[in-house]
């Protein structure tokens, strides 16, 4: 499945004023996954506890990974 990743902040897309992280309720090291229809599929306020691979598998297959 194709996946496009955008990095927000210093050295990436220009949201250094913190407006992006405030709007989405995340810290500078947090993240969100947005579905193609614009809905947020997953959000973490800080560093995720699970690898992104496992999170994507859960979202697409509906099964928890150990």
PDB file of N, CA and C in Angstrom:
ATOM      1  N   UNK A   1       0.853  -1.159   0.000  1.00  0.00           N
ATOM      2  CA  UNK A   1       0.000   0.000   0.000  1.00  0.00           C
ATOM      3  C   UNK A   1       0.906   1.232   0.000  1.00  0.00           C
ATOM      4  N   UNK A   2       0.642   2.195  -0.854  1.00  0.00           N
ATOM      5  CA  UNK A   2       1.457   3.409  -0.878  1.00  0.00           C
ATOM      6  C   UNK A   2       1.265   4.220   0.402  1.00  0.00           C
ATOM      7  N   UNK A   3       2.342   4.832   0.841  1.00  0.00           N
ATOM      8  CA  UNK A   3       2.310   5.633   2.058  1.00  0.00           C
ATOM      9  C   UNK A   3       3.152   6.882   1.830  1.00  0.00           C
ATOM     10  N   UNK A   4       2.581   8.042   2.057  1.00  0.00           N
ATOM     11  CA  UNK A   4       3.307   9.299   1.941  1.00  0.00           C
ATOM     12  C   UNK A   4       3.558   9.822   3.339  1.00  0.00           C
ATOM     13  N   UNK A   5       4.802  10.170   3.628  1.00  0.00           N
ATOM     14  CA  UNK A   5       5.177  10.657   4.951  1.00  0.00           C
ATOM     15  C   UNK A   5       5.624  12.102   4.835  1.00  0.00           C
ATOM     16  N   UNK A   6       5.084  12.956   5.702  1.00  0.00           N
ATOM     17  CA  UNK A   6       5.489  14.351   5.779  1.00  0.00           C
ATOM     18  C   UNK A   6       6.032  14.616   7.169  1.00  0.00           C
ATOM     19  N   UNK A   7       7.156  15.274   7.225  1.00  0.00           N
ATOM     20  CA  UNK A   7       7.740  15.667   8.507  1.00  0.00           C
ATOM     21  C   UNK A   7       7.443  17.144   8.704  1.00  0.00           C
ATOM     22  N   UNK A   8       6.944  17.481   9.884  1.00  0.00           N
ATOM     23  CA  UNK A   8       6.569  18.858  10.211  1.00  0.00           C
ATOM     24  C   UNK A   8       7.586  19.416  11.196  1.00  0.00           C
ATOM     25  N   UNK A   9       8.016  20.650  10.983  1.00  0.00           N
ATOM     26  CA  UNK A   9       8.920  21.291  11.936  1.00  0.00           C
ATOM     27  C   UNK A   9      10.239  21.675  11.315  1.00  0.00           C
ATOM     28  N   UNK A  10      11.253  21.834  12.151  1.00  0.00           N
ATOM     29  CA  UNK A  10      12.569  22.287  11.697  1.00  0.00           C
ATOM     30  C   UNK A  10      13.106  21.405  10.585  1.00  0.00           C
ATOM     31  N   UNK A  11      13.522  22.012   9.492  1.00  0.00           N
ATOM     32  CA  UNK A  11      14.080  21.267   8.371  1.00  0.00           C
ATOM     33  C   UNK A  11      13.050  20.526   7.546  1.00  0.00           C
ATOM     34  N   UNK A  12      11.774  20.800   7.751  1.00  0.00           N
ATOM     35  CA  UNK A  12      10.717  20.086   7.030  1.00  0.00           C
ATOM     36  C   UNK A  12       9.635  21.086   6.622  1.00  0.00           C
ATOM     37  N   UNK A  13       8.376  20.666   6.619  1.00  0.00           N
ATOM     38  CA  UNK A  13       7.291  21.588   6.291  1.00  0.00           C
ATOM     39  C   UNK A  13       7.229  22.700   7.332  1.00  0.00           C
ATOM     40  N   UNK A  14       6.955  23.925   6.917  1.00  0.00           N
ATOM     41  CA  UNK A  14       7.108  25.098   7.786  1.00  0.00           C
ATOM     42  C   UNK A  14       6.003  25.318   8.817  1.00  0.00           C
ATOM     43  N   UNK A  15       6.108  24.683   9.950  1.00  0.00           N
ATOM     44  CA  UNK A  15       5.200  24.927  11.068  1.00  0.00           C
ATOM     45  C   UNK A  15       5.994  25.070  12.357  1.00  0.00           C
ATOM     46  N   UNK A  16       7.094  25.826  12.303  1.00  0.00           N
ATOM     47  CA  UNK A  16       7.946  25.958  13.472  1.00  0.00           C
ATOM     48  C   UNK A  16       7.320  26.760  14.606  1.00  0.00           C
ATOM     49  N   UNK A  17       6.218  27.434  14.346  1.00  0.00           N
ATOM     50  CA  UNK A  17       5.602  28.238  15.406  1.00  0.00           C
ATOM     51  C   UNK A  17       4.783  27.403  16.388  1.00  0.00           C
ATOM     52  N   UNK A  18       4.677  26.107  16.166  1.00  0.00           N
ATOM     53  CA  UNK A  18       3.949  25.234  17.080  1.00  0.00           C
ATOM     54  C   UNK A  18       2.469  25.121  16.790  1.00  0.00           C
ATOM     55  N   UNK A  19       1.979  25.814  15.768  1.00  0.00           N
ATOM     56  CA  UNK A  19       0.538  25.786  15.483  1.00  0.00           C
ATOM     57  C   UNK A  19       0.058  24.392  15.068  1.00  0.00           C
ATOM     58  N   UNK A  20       0.880  23.647  14.353  1.00  0.00           N
ATOM     59  CA  UNK A  20       0.493  22.308  13.916  1.00  0.00           C
ATOM     60  C   UNK A  20       0.352  21.368  15.104  1.00  0.00           C
ATOM     61  N   UNK A  21       1.364  21.343  15.964  1.00  0.00           N
ATOM     62  CA  UNK A  21       1.313  20.430  17.110  1.00  0.00           C
ATOM     63  C   UNK A  21       0.190  20.808  18.067  1.00  0.00           C
ATOM     64  N   UNK A  22      -0.053  22.075  18.258  1.00  0.00           N
ATOM     65  CA  UNK A  22      -1.178  22.507  19.123  1.00  0.00           C
ATOM     66  C   UNK A  22      -2.512  22.080  18.520  1.00  0.00           C
ATOM     67  N   UNK A  23      -2.674  22.271  17.227  1.00  0.00           N
ATOM     68  CA  UNK A  23      -3.940  21.934  16.561  1.00  0.00           C
ATOM     69  C   UNK A  23      -4.258  20.444  16.659  1.00  0.00           C
ATOM     70  N   UNK A  24      -3.221  19.608  16.625  1.00  0.00           N
ATOM     71  CA  UNK A  24      -3.429  18.160  16.657  1.00  0.00           C
ATOM     72  C   UNK A  24      -3.212  17.541  18.027  1.00  0.00           C
ATOM     73  N   UNK A  25      -2.865  18.350  19.021  1.00  0.00           N
ATOM     74  CA  UNK A  25      -2.713  17.838  20.378  1.00  0.00           C
ATOM     75  C   UNK A  25      -1.535  16.904  20.547  1.00  0.00           C
ATOM     76  N   UNK A  26      -0.437  17.204  19.867  1.00  0.00           N
ATOM     77  CA  UNK A  26       0.752  16.371  19.963  1.00  0.00           C
ATOM     78  C   UNK A  26       1.953  17.209  20.382  1.00  0.00           C
ATOM     79  N   UNK A  27       2.985  16.543  20.897  1.00  0.00           N
ATOM     80  CA  UNK A  27       4.251  17.197  21.199  1.00  0.00           C
ATOM     81  C   UNK A  27       5.102  17.204  19.936  1.00  0.00           C
ATOM     82  N   UNK A  28       6.278  17.823  20.013  1.00  0.00           N
ATOM     83  CA  UNK A  28       7.168  17.893  18.861  1.00  0.00           C
ATOM     84  C   UNK A  28       7.596  16.513  18.370  1.00  0.00           C
ATOM     85  N   UNK A  29       7.583  15.503  19.242  1.00  0.00           N
ATOM     86  CA  UNK A  29       7.966  14.151  18.835  1.00  0.00           C
ATOM     87  C   UNK A  29       6.761  13.222  18.668  1.00  0.00           C
ATOM     88  N   UNK A  30       5.568  13.778  18.661  1.00  0.00           N
ATOM     89  CA  UNK A  30       4.359  12.992  18.462  1.00  0.00           C
ATOM     90  C   UNK A  30       4.085  12.775  16.988  1.00  0.00           C
ATOM     91  N   UNK A  31       2.958  12.163  16.686  1.00  0.00           N
ATOM     92  CA  UNK A  31       2.628  11.916  15.290  1.00  0.00           C
ATOM     93  C   UNK A  31       1.169  11.604  15.079  1.00  0.00           C
ATOM     94  N   UNK A  32       0.747  11.741  13.835  1.00  0.00           N
ATOM     95  CA  UNK A  32      -0.618  11.390  13.441  1.00  0.00           C
ATOM     96  C   UNK A  32      -0.564  10.638  12.121  1.00  0.00           C
ATOM     97  N   UNK A  33      -1.551   9.791  11.896  1.00  0.00           N
ATOM     98  CA  UNK A  33      -1.762   9.155  10.601  1.00  0.00           C
ATOM     99  C   UNK A  33      -3.117   9.629  10.102  1.00  0.00           C
ATOM    100  N   UNK A  34      -3.122  10.203   8.916  1.00  0.00           N
ATOM    101  CA  UNK A  34      -4.351  10.733   8.331  1.00  0.00           C
ATOM    102  C   UNK A  34      -4.740   9.859   7.152  1.00  0.00           C
ATOM    103  N   UNK A  35      -5.990   9.409   7.157  1.00  0.00           N
ATOM    104  CA  UNK A  35      -6.503   8.589   6.065  1.00  0.00           C
ATOM    105  C   UNK A  35      -6.644   9.443   4.810  1.00  0.00           C
ATOM    106  N   UNK A  36      -6.722   8.831   3.640  1.00  0.00           N
ATOM    107  CA  UNK A  36      -6.896   9.596   2.406  1.00  0.00           C
ATOM    108  C   UNK A  36      -8.152  10.475   2.396  1.00  0.00           C
ATOM    109  N   UNK A  37      -9.162  10.096   3.183  1.00  0.00           N
ATOM    110  CA  UNK A  37     -10.383  10.909   3.223  1.00  0.00           C
ATOM    111  C   UNK A  37     -10.297  12.042   4.243  1.00  0.00           C
ATOM    112  N   UNK A  38      -9.113  12.215   4.871  1.00  0.00           N
ATOM    113  CA  UNK A  38      -8.895  13.329   5.791  1.00  0.00           C
ATOM    114  C   UNK A  38      -9.163  13.018   7.249  1.00  0.00           C
ATOM    115  N   UNK A  39      -9.701  11.867   7.563  1.00  0.00           N
ATOM    116  CA  UNK A  39      -9.951  11.495   8.956  1.00  0.00           C
ATOM    117  C   UNK A  39      -8.659  11.017   9.616  1.00  0.00           C
ATOM    118  N   UNK A  40      -8.493  11.334  10.890  1.00  0.00           N
ATOM    119  CA  UNK A  40      -7.321  10.881  11.632  1.00  0.00           C
ATOM    120  C   UNK A  40      -7.548   9.439  12.047  1.00  0.00           C
ATOM    121  N   UNK A  41      -6.648   8.560  11.594  1.00  0.00           N
ATOM    122  CA  UNK A  41      -6.758   7.140  11.908  1.00  0.00           C
ATOM    123  C   UNK A  41      -6.055   6.792  13.209  1.00  0.00           C
ATOM    124  N   UNK A  42      -5.020   7.576  13.574  1.00  0.00           N
ATOM    125  CA  UNK A  42      -4.222   7.281  14.759  1.00  0.00           C
ATOM    126  C   UNK A  42      -3.473   8.537  15.154  1.00  0.00           C
ATOM    127  N   UNK A  43      -3.258   8.706  16.459  1.00  0.00           N
ATOM    128  CA  UNK A  43      -2.533   9.870  16.974  1.00  0.00           C
ATOM    129  C   UNK A  43      -1.796   9.465  18.229  1.00  0.00           C
ATOM    130  N   UNK A  44      -0.589   9.981  18.397  1.00  0.00           N
ATOM    131  CA  UNK A  44       0.148   9.795  19.638  1.00  0.00           C
ATOM    132  C   UNK A  44       0.754  11.133  20.029  1.00  0.00           C
ATOM    133  N   UNK A  45       0.570  11.554  21.266  1.00  0.00           N
ATOM    134  CA  UNK A  45       1.092  12.860  21.674  1.00  0.00           C
ATOM    135  C   UNK A  45       2.618  12.909  21.749  1.00  0.00           C
ATOM    136  N   UNK A  46       3.256  11.762  21.942  1.00  0.00           N
ATOM    137  CA  UNK A  46       4.721  11.705  22.029  1.00  0.00           C
ATOM    138  C   UNK A  46       5.251  10.552  21.208  1.00  0.00           C
ATOM    139  N   UNK A  47       6.447  10.138  21.507  1.00  0.00           N
ATOM    140  CA  UNK A  47       7.074   9.031  20.780  1.00  0.00           C
ATOM    141  C   UNK A  47       6.194   7.790  20.900  1.00  0.00           C
ATOM    142  N   UNK A  48       5.848   7.147  19.774  1.00  0.00           N
ATOM    143  CA  UNK A  48       5.000   5.959  19.850  1.00  0.00           C
ATOM    144  C   UNK A  48       5.710   4.812  20.568  1.00  0.00           C
ATOM    145  N   UNK A  49       4.941   4.036  21.314  1.00  0.00           N
ATOM    146  CA  UNK A  49       5.495   2.903  22.045  1.00  0.00           C
ATOM    147  C   UNK A  49       5.687   1.677  21.156  1.00  0.00           C
ATOM    148  N   UNK A  50       4.983   1.660  20.036  1.00  0.00           N
ATOM    149  CA  UNK A  50       5.078   0.538  19.096  1.00  0.00           C
ATOM    150  C   UNK A  50       5.663   1.050  17.781  1.00  0.00           C
ATOM    151  N   UNK A  51       6.368   0.200  17.029  1.00  0.00           N
ATOM    152  CA  UNK A  51       6.878   0.610  15.722  1.00  0.00           C
ATOM    153  C   UNK A  51       5.726   0.956  14.768  1.00  0.00           C
ATOM    154  N   UNK A  52       5.961   1.906  13.879  1.00  0.00           N
ATOM    155  CA  UNK A  52       4.942   2.321  12.917  1.00  0.00           C
ATOM    156  C   UNK A  52       4.436   1.135  12.100  1.00  0.00           C
ATOM    157  N   UNK A  53       5.302   0.192  11.789  1.00  0.00           N
ATOM    158  CA  UNK A  53       4.908  -1.014  11.037  1.00  0.00           C
ATOM    159  C   UNK A  53       3.767  -1.743  11.751  1.00  0.00           C
ATOM    160  N   UNK A  54       3.885  -1.897  13.068  1.00  0.00           N
ATOM    161  CA  UNK A  54       2.848  -2.596  13.839  1.00  0.00           C
ATOM    162  C   UNK A  54       1.558  -1.792  13.897  1.00  0.00           C
ATOM    163  N   UNK A  55       1.684  -0.493  14.016  1.00  0.00           N
ATOM    164  CA  UNK A  55       0.497   0.371  14.063  1.00  0.00           C
ATOM    165  C   UNK A  55      -0.255   0.288  12.741  1.00  0.00           C
ATOM    166  N   UNK A  56       0.467   0.375  11.624  1.00  0.00           N
ATOM    167  CA  UNK A  56      -0.166   0.270  10.309  1.00  0.00           C
ATOM    168  C   UNK A  56      -0.824  -1.087  10.117  1.00  0.00           C
ATOM    169  N   UNK A  57      -0.186  -2.131  10.591  1.00  0.00           N
ATOM    170  CA  UNK A  57      -0.776  -3.472  10.468  1.00  0.00           C
ATOM    171  C   UNK A  57      -2.094  -3.545  11.237  1.00  0.00           C
ATOM    172  N   UNK A  58      -2.108  -3.020  12.435  1.00  0.00           N
ATOM    173  CA  UNK A  58      -3.330  -3.025  13.245  1.00  0.00           C
ATOM    174  C   UNK A  58      -4.437  -2.235  12.553  1.00  0.00           C
ATOM    175  N   UNK A  59      -4.093  -1.088  11.994  1.00  0.00           N
ATOM    176  CA  UNK A  59      -5.102  -0.256  11.344  1.00  0.00           C
ATOM    177  C   UNK A  59      -5.644  -0.886  10.061  1.00  0.00           C
ATOM    178  N   UNK A  60      -4.790  -1.563   9.328  1.00  0.00           N
ATOM    179  CA  UNK A  60      -5.234  -2.119   8.055  1.00  0.00           C
ATOM    180  C   UNK A  60      -5.790  -3.540   8.164  1.00  0.00           C
ATOM    181  N   UNK A  61      -5.314  -4.308   9.135  1.00  0.00           N
ATOM    182  CA  UNK A  61      -5.746  -5.692   9.265  1.00  0.00           C
ATOM    183  C   UNK A  61      -6.671  -5.911  10.446  1.00  0.00           C
ATOM    184  N   UNK A  62      -6.705  -4.973  11.377  1.00  0.00           N
ATOM    185  CA  UNK A  62      -7.583  -5.082  12.521  1.00  0.00           C
ATOM    186  C   UNK A  62      -7.122  -6.069  13.592  1.00  0.00           C
ATOM    187  N   UNK A  63      -5.880  -6.496  13.541  1.00  0.00           N
ATOM    188  CA  UNK A  63      -5.376  -7.465  14.517  1.00  0.00           C
ATOM    189  C   UNK A  63      -4.228  -6.854  15.303  1.00  0.00           C
ATOM    190  N   UNK A  64      -4.220  -7.106  16.580  1.00  0.00           N
ATOM    191  CA  UNK A  64      -3.124  -6.633  17.428  1.00  0.00           C
ATOM    192  C   UNK A  64      -1.881  -7.453  17.179  1.00  0.00           C
ATOM    193  N   UNK A  65      -0.746  -6.785  17.195  1.00  0.00           N
ATOM    194  CA  UNK A  65       0.541  -7.452  17.087  1.00  0.00           C
ATOM    195  C   UNK A  65       1.109  -7.638  18.487  1.00  0.00           C
ATOM    196  N   UNK A  66       1.817  -8.729  18.716  1.00  0.00           N
ATOM    197  CA  UNK A  66       2.417  -8.940  20.050  1.00  0.00           C
ATOM    198  C   UNK A  66       3.495  -7.919  20.344  1.00  0.00           C
TER     199      UNK A  66
END
